[in-house]
Amino acid sequence: TYQTPHKAFETIYCRNKPVPQGCDEISKGFSKSRPNAPVSSFEVKASQVGDQAGRGIFAKVDIPKGAYIGVEQSMNSIKVTPTTYDIISSHVEEYVEAAGFDAVVEFLWGYGFESNLYGEISYVVDSTIL
């Protein structure tokens, strides 16, 4: 089972010398030493798997194992906390004036995903679809 430690435990653990593996990624969100494959390294084109396969995303260059994908785009993601999501949803349901916010809820449901990356649940829409 995956478990996210409380921030206090994480901080104490990551102050050990030598710094434990993974602490640079936990504390800063990413490791500068890990390679990045920019979005320009990929292209969307018709799949050649079969006639009904549709489109797919393909690498234009070799991508190193363990590389991040599109870090330069990830800084623009939309993050919504559960409290904010609940407020938006309840206003859409309760107030006619808030009907325009229905599009926000549909956008989060259509393109977002639930994340526990930083120790709390949030709803994230990846910036690469924006």
Foldseek 3Di string as FASTA:
>chain_A
DDDDDDPVVLVVQQVDPVGDPPNVCLVPVHDPVAAEDAPVQKDKDADPPDPPPGIDIDGNDDDDPPHHYHPVQQVPKDKAAPVRLVVLVVCCVPPPVSVVSVVVNVCQVVAWDWDCSNNGTIIIGGRVVD
